[in-house]
Amino acid sequence: MGTTGHLRHDAAIPFTVGVCEAGHLYVRNDESGASAHLPMSTTADLDTLANALCDVIGDLL
């Protein structure tokens, strides 16, 4: 089973960030169901993760 965490956009849109069962990082807009895998390993540092989230989250709104 995967591992998840949760974020909220400033417009109160909920997002799930997690590691899927295949071991890939992903982010999902819980309101629309849109999702994307993040182009990094699960051992990436937090700065890399934050930058990747910023890069894809706009596409999921």
PDB file of N, CA and C in Angstrom:
ATOM      1  N   MET A   1       0.837  -1.179   0.000  1.00  0.00           N
ATOM      2  CA  MET A   1       0.000   0.000   0.000  1.00  0.00           C
ATOM      3  C   MET A   1       0.877   1.235   0.000  1.00  0.00           C
ATOM      4  N   GLY A   2       0.437   2.311  -0.685  1.00  0.00           N
ATOM      5  CA  GLY A   2       1.225   3.530  -0.795  1.00  0.00           C
ATOM      6  C   GLY A   2       1.188   4.369   0.470  1.00  0.00           C
ATOM      7  N   THR A   3       2.006   5.415   0.493  1.00  0.00           N
ATOM      8  CA  THR A   3       2.090   6.350   1.604  1.00  0.00           C
ATOM      9  C   THR A   3       1.684   7.718   1.089  1.00  0.00           C
ATOM     10  N   THR A   4       0.876   8.467   1.842  1.00  0.00           N
ATOM     11  CA  THR A   4       0.400   9.763   1.368  1.00  0.00           C
ATOM     12  C   THR A   4       0.519  10.847   2.417  1.00  0.00           C
ATOM     13  N   GLY A   5       0.484  12.085   1.945  1.00  0.00           N
ATOM     14  CA  GLY A   5       0.389  13.279   2.768  1.00  0.00           C
ATOM     15  C   GLY A   5      -0.604  14.199   2.081  1.00  0.00           C
ATOM     16  N   HIS A   6      -1.022  15.263   2.741  1.00  0.00           N
ATOM     17  CA  HIS A   6      -2.061  16.112   2.165  1.00  0.00           C
ATOM     18  C   HIS A   6      -1.667  17.578   2.216  1.00  0.00           C
ATOM     19  N   LEU A   7      -2.023  18.306   1.153  1.00  0.00           N
ATOM     20  CA  LEU A   7      -1.796  19.741   1.031  1.00  0.00           C
ATOM     21  C   LEU A   7      -3.116  20.402   0.684  1.00  0.00           C
ATOM     22  N   ARG A   8      -3.208  21.704   0.937  1.00  0.00           N
ATOM     23  CA  ARG A   8      -4.372  22.473   0.483  1.00  0.00           C
ATOM     24  C   ARG A   8      -3.863  23.688  -0.274  1.00  0.00           C
ATOM     25  N   HIS A   9      -4.436  23.901  -1.451  1.00  0.00           N
ATOM     26  CA  HIS A   9      -4.164  25.082  -2.263  1.00  0.00           C
ATOM     27  C   HIS A   9      -4.794  26.275  -1.549  1.00  0.00           C
ATOM     28  N   ASP A  10      -4.321  27.496  -1.834  1.00  0.00           N
ATOM     29  CA  ASP A  10      -4.888  28.664  -1.151  1.00  0.00           C
ATOM     30  C   ASP A  10      -6.375  28.865  -1.446  1.00  0.00           C
ATOM     31  N   ALA A  11      -6.893  28.205  -2.485  1.00  0.00           N
ATOM     32  CA  ALA A  11      -8.332  28.233  -2.772  1.00  0.00           C
ATOM     33  C   ALA A  11      -9.042  27.058  -2.087  1.00  0.00           C
ATOM     34  N   ALA A  12      -8.377  26.421  -1.134  1.00  0.00           N
ATOM     35  CA  ALA A  12      -8.908  25.303  -0.343  1.00  0.00           C
ATOM     36  C   ALA A  12      -9.088  24.020  -1.149  1.00  0.00           C
ATOM     37  N   ILE A  13      -8.427  23.918  -2.298  1.00  0.00           N
ATOM     38  CA  ILE A  13      -8.477  22.681  -3.087  1.00  0.00           C
ATOM     39  C   ILE A  13      -7.540  21.672  -2.431  1.00  0.00           C
ATOM     40  N   PRO A  14      -8.031  20.499  -2.066  1.00  0.00           N
ATOM     41  CA  PRO A  14      -7.178  19.499  -1.418  1.00  0.00           C
ATOM     42  C   PRO A  14      -6.344  18.713  -2.429  1.00  0.00           C
ATOM     43  N   PHE A  15      -5.102  18.463  -2.077  1.00  0.00           N
ATOM     44  CA  PHE A  15      -4.190  17.659  -2.883  1.00  0.00           C
ATOM     45  C   PHE A  15      -3.622  16.539  -2.029  1.00  0.00           C
ATOM     46  N   THR A  16      -3.395  15.400  -2.641  1.00  0.00           N
ATOM     47  CA  THR A  16      -2.692  14.297  -2.007  1.00  0.00           C
ATOM     48  C   THR A  16      -1.338  14.173  -2.683  1.00  0.00           C
ATOM     49  N   VAL A  17      -0.292  14.075  -1.886  1.00  0.00           N
ATOM     50  CA  VAL A  17       1.058  13.817  -2.384  1.00  0.00           C
ATOM     51  C   VAL A  17       1.459  12.486  -1.791  1.00  0.00           C
ATOM     52  N   GLY A  18       1.991  11.601  -2.616  1.00  0.00           N
ATOM     53  CA  GLY A  18       2.311  10.296  -2.072  1.00  0.00           C
ATOM     54  C   GLY A  18       3.256   9.476  -2.903  1.00  0.00           C
ATOM     55  N   VAL A  19       3.457   8.290  -2.416  1.00  0.00           N
ATOM     56  CA  VAL A  19       4.260   7.275  -3.093  1.00  0.00           C
ATOM     57  C   VAL A  19       3.297   6.152  -3.436  1.00  0.00           C
ATOM     58  N   CYS A  20       3.158   5.873  -4.728  1.00  0.00           N
ATOM     59  CA  CYS A  20       2.238   4.816  -5.144  1.00  0.00           C
ATOM     60  C   CYS A  20       2.854   3.444  -4.864  1.00  0.00           C
ATOM     61  N   GLU A  21       2.070   2.420  -5.079  1.00  0.00           N
ATOM     62  CA  GLU A  21       2.526   1.063  -4.790  1.00  0.00           C
ATOM     63  C   GLU A  21       3.713   0.650  -5.644  1.00  0.00           C
ATOM     64  N   ALA A  22       3.889   1.300  -6.811  1.00  0.00           N
ATOM     65  CA  ALA A  22       5.045   1.017  -7.669  1.00  0.00           C
ATOM     66  C   ALA A  22       6.290   1.769  -7.200  1.00  0.00           C
ATOM     67  N   GLY A  23       6.138   2.637  -6.177  1.00  0.00           N
ATOM     68  CA  GLY A  23       7.278   3.358  -5.623  1.00  0.00           C
ATOM     69  C   GLY A  23       7.542   4.703  -6.263  1.00  0.00           C
ATOM     70  N   HIS A  24       6.591   5.231  -7.041  1.00  0.00           N
ATOM     71  CA  HIS A  24       6.759   6.525  -7.710  1.00  0.00           C
ATOM     72  C   HIS A  24       6.030   7.617  -6.934  1.00  0.00           C
ATOM     73  N   LEU A  25       6.635   8.804  -6.901  1.00  0.00           N
ATOM     74  CA  LEU A  25       5.986   9.947  -6.263  1.00  0.00           C
ATOM     75  C   LEU A  25       4.899  10.490  -7.179  1.00  0.00           C
ATOM     76  N   TYR A  26       3.791  10.943  -6.595  1.00  0.00           N
ATOM     77  CA  TYR A  26       2.712  11.528  -7.385  1.00  0.00           C
ATOM     78  C   TYR A  26       2.013  12.620  -6.585  1.00  0.00           C
ATOM     79  N   VAL A  27       1.261  13.459  -7.300  1.00  0.00           N
ATOM     80  CA  VAL A  27       0.391  14.451  -6.675  1.00  0.00           C
ATOM     81  C   VAL A  27      -0.966  14.356  -7.366  1.00  0.00           C
ATOM     82  N   ARG A  28      -2.044  14.456  -6.576  1.00  0.00           N
ATOM     83  CA  ARG A  28      -3.400  14.350  -7.119  1.00  0.00           C
ATOM     84  C   ARG A  28      -4.268  15.474  -6.568  1.00  0.00           C
ATOM     85  N   ASN A  29      -5.019  16.113  -7.471  1.00  0.00           N
ATOM     86  CA  ASN A  29      -6.034  17.082  -7.085  1.00  0.00           C
ATOM     87  C   ASN A  29      -7.238  16.269  -6.632  1.00  0.00           C
ATOM     88  N   ASP A  30      -7.532  16.280  -5.351  1.00  0.00           N
ATOM     89  CA  ASP A  30      -8.602  15.442  -4.809  1.00  0.00           C
ATOM     90  C   ASP A  30      -9.989  15.925  -5.217  1.00  0.00           C
ATOM     91  N   GLU A  31     -10.091  17.164  -5.652  1.00  0.00           N
ATOM     92  CA  GLU A  31     -11.384  17.691  -6.086  1.00  0.00           C
ATOM     93  C   GLU A  31     -11.726  17.227  -7.501  1.00  0.00           C
ATOM     94  N   SER A  32     -10.752  17.302  -8.420  1.00  0.00           N
ATOM     95  CA  SER A  32     -11.021  16.953  -9.822  1.00  0.00           C
ATOM     96  C   SER A  32     -10.590  15.539 -10.186  1.00  0.00           C
ATOM     97  N   GLY A  33      -9.683  14.973  -9.402  1.00  0.00           N
ATOM     98  CA  GLY A  33      -9.159  13.644  -9.711  1.00  0.00           C
ATOM     99  C   GLY A  33      -7.945  13.664 -10.620  1.00  0.00           C
ATOM    100  N   ALA A  34      -7.556  14.853 -11.120  1.00  0.00           N
ATOM    101  CA  ALA A  34      -6.374  14.973 -11.983  1.00  0.00           C
ATOM    102  C   ALA A  34      -5.126  14.636 -11.170  1.00  0.00           C
ATOM    103  N   SER A  35      -4.181  13.945 -11.799  1.00  0.00           N
ATOM    104  CA  SER A  35      -2.962  13.572 -11.080  1.00  0.00           C
ATOM    105  C   SER A  35      -1.768  13.568 -12.017  1.00  0.00           C
ATOM    106  N   ALA A  36      -0.582  13.565 -11.421  1.00  0.00           N
ATOM    107  CA  ALA A  36       0.660  13.511 -12.190  1.00  0.00           C
ATOM    108  C   ALA A  36       1.734  12.859 -11.339  1.00  0.00           C
ATOM    109  N   HIS A  37       2.578  12.069 -11.985  1.00  0.00           N
ATOM    110  CA  HIS A  37       3.749  11.539 -11.297  1.00  0.00           C
ATOM    111  C   HIS A  37       4.824  12.612 -11.293  1.00  0.00           C
ATOM    112  N   LEU A  38       5.630  12.624 -10.263  1.00  0.00           N
ATOM    113  CA  LEU A  38       6.700  13.606 -10.138  1.00  0.00           C
ATOM    114  C   LEU A  38       8.000  12.996 -10.649  1.00  0.00           C
ATOM    115  N   PRO A  39       8.764  13.765 -11.419  1.00  0.00           N
ATOM    116  CA  PRO A  39       9.978  13.244 -12.049  1.00  0.00           C
ATOM    117  C   PRO A  39      11.178  13.199 -11.108  1.00  0.00           C
ATOM    118  N   MET A  40      11.111  12.364 -10.089  1.00  0.00           N
ATOM    119  CA  MET A  40      12.209  12.262  -9.128  1.00  0.00           C
ATOM    120  C   MET A  40      12.097  10.967  -8.352  1.00  0.00           C
ATOM    121  N   SER A  41      13.151  10.644  -7.651  1.00  0.00           N
ATOM    122  CA  SER A  41      13.127   9.431  -6.835  1.00  0.00           C
ATOM    123  C   SER A  41      12.537   9.749  -5.466  1.00  0.00           C
ATOM    124  N   THR A  42      12.172   8.727  -4.758  1.00  0.00           N
ATOM    125  CA  THR A  42      11.610   8.905  -3.419  1.00  0.00           C
ATOM    126  C   THR A  42      12.658   9.352  -2.408  1.00  0.00           C
ATOM    127  N   THR A  43      13.920   9.355  -2.793  1.00  0.00           N
ATOM    128  CA  THR A  43      14.985   9.800  -1.890  1.00  0.00           C
ATOM    129  C   THR A  43      15.439  11.224  -2.194  1.00  0.00           C
ATOM    130  N   ALA A  44      14.717  11.931  -3.059  1.00  0.00           N
ATOM    131  CA  ALA A  44      15.076  13.311  -3.399  1.00  0.00           C
ATOM    132  C   ALA A  44      14.975  14.196  -2.157  1.00  0.00           C
ATOM    133  N   ASP A  45      15.771  15.265  -2.131  1.00  0.00           N
ATOM    134  CA  ASP A  45      15.721  16.177  -0.988  1.00  0.00           C
ATOM    135  C   ASP A  45      14.451  17.038  -1.054  1.00  0.00           C
ATOM    136  N   LEU A  46      14.123  17.688   0.051  1.00  0.00           N
ATOM    137  CA  LEU A  46      12.877  18.450   0.145  1.00  0.00           C
ATOM    138  C   LEU A  46      12.820  19.628  -0.819  1.00  0.00           C
ATOM    139  N   ASP A  47      13.951  20.282  -1.095  1.00  0.00           N
ATOM    140  CA  ASP A  47      13.953  21.386  -2.059  1.00  0.00           C
ATOM    141  C   ASP A  47      13.565  20.895  -3.446  1.00  0.00           C
ATOM    142  N   THR A  48      14.094  19.755  -3.844  1.00  0.00           N
ATOM    143  CA  THR A  48      13.769  19.175  -5.147  1.00  0.00           C
ATOM    144  C   THR A  48      12.296  18.803  -5.205  1.00  0.00           C
ATOM    145  N   LEU A  49      11.783  18.218  -4.137  1.00  0.00           N
ATOM    146  CA  LEU A  49      10.369  17.855  -4.076  1.00  0.00           C
ATOM    147  C   LEU A  49       9.484  19.097  -4.166  1.00  0.00           C
ATOM    148  N   ALA A  50       9.818  20.134  -3.409  1.00  0.00           N
ATOM    149  CA  ALA A  50       9.024  21.365  -3.428  1.00  0.00           C
ATOM    150  C   ALA A  50       9.008  21.990  -4.818  1.00  0.00           C
ATOM    151  N   ASN A  51      10.157  22.024  -5.480  1.00  0.00           N
ATOM    152  CA  ASN A  51      10.215  22.584  -6.833  1.00  0.00           C
ATOM    153  C   ASN A  51       9.384  21.769  -7.807  1.00  0.00           C
ATOM    154  N   ALA A  52       9.428  20.457  -7.708  1.00  0.00           N
ATOM    155  CA  ALA A  52       8.640  19.597  -8.597  1.00  0.00           C
ATOM    156  C   ALA A  52       7.148  19.803  -8.359  1.00  0.00           C
ATOM    157  N   LEU A  53       6.744  19.935  -7.105  1.00  0.00           N
ATOM    158  CA  LEU A  53       5.335  20.198  -6.801  1.00  0.00           C
ATOM    159  C   LEU A  53       4.889  21.523  -7.409  1.00  0.00           C
ATOM    160  N   CYS A  54       5.712  22.548  -7.275  1.00  0.00           N
ATOM    161  CA  CYS A  54       5.376  23.852  -7.859  1.00  0.00           C
ATOM    162  C   CYS A  54       5.250  23.765  -9.372  1.00  0.00           C
ATOM    163  N   ASP A  55       6.091  22.961  -9.989  1.00  0.00           N
ATOM    164  CA  ASP A  55       6.063  22.818 -11.446  1.00  0.00           C
ATOM    165  C   ASP A  55       4.789  22.157 -11.952  1.00  0.00           C
ATOM    166  N   VAL A  56       4.230  21.201 -11.216  1.00  0.00           N
ATOM    167  CA  VAL A  56       3.078  20.449 -11.731  1.00  0.00           C
ATOM    168  C   VAL A  56       1.736  20.862 -11.137  1.00  0.00           C
ATOM    169  N   ILE A  57       1.731  21.501  -9.991  1.00  0.00           N
ATOM    170  CA  ILE A  57       0.453  21.749  -9.320  1.00  0.00           C
ATOM    171  C   ILE A  57      -0.443  22.686 -10.124  1.00  0.00           C
ATOM    172  N   GLY A  58       0.131  23.651 -10.823  1.00  0.00           N
ATOM    173  CA  GLY A  58      -0.674  24.549 -11.655  1.00  0.00           C
ATOM    174  C   GLY A  58      -1.406  23.820 -12.761  1.00  0.00           C
ATOM    175  N   ASP A  59      -0.800  22.766 -13.283  1.00  0.00           N
ATOM    176  CA  ASP A  59      -1.439  21.975 -14.336  1.00  0.00           C
ATOM    177  C   ASP A  59      -2.607  21.152 -13.811  1.00  0.00           C
ATOM    178  N   LEU A  60      -2.674  20.964 -12.511  1.00  0.00           N
ATOM    179  CA  LEU A  60      -3.714  20.124 -11.916  1.00  0.00           C
ATOM    180  C   LEU A  60      -4.893  20.927 -11.369  1.00  0.00           C
ATOM    181  N   LEU A  61      -4.819  22.251 -11.490  1.00  0.00           N
ATOM    182  CA  LEU A  61      -5.921  23.090 -10.976  1.00  0.00           C
ATOM    183  C   LEU A  61      -7.070  23.143 -11.945  1.00  0.00           C
TER     184      LEU A  61
END
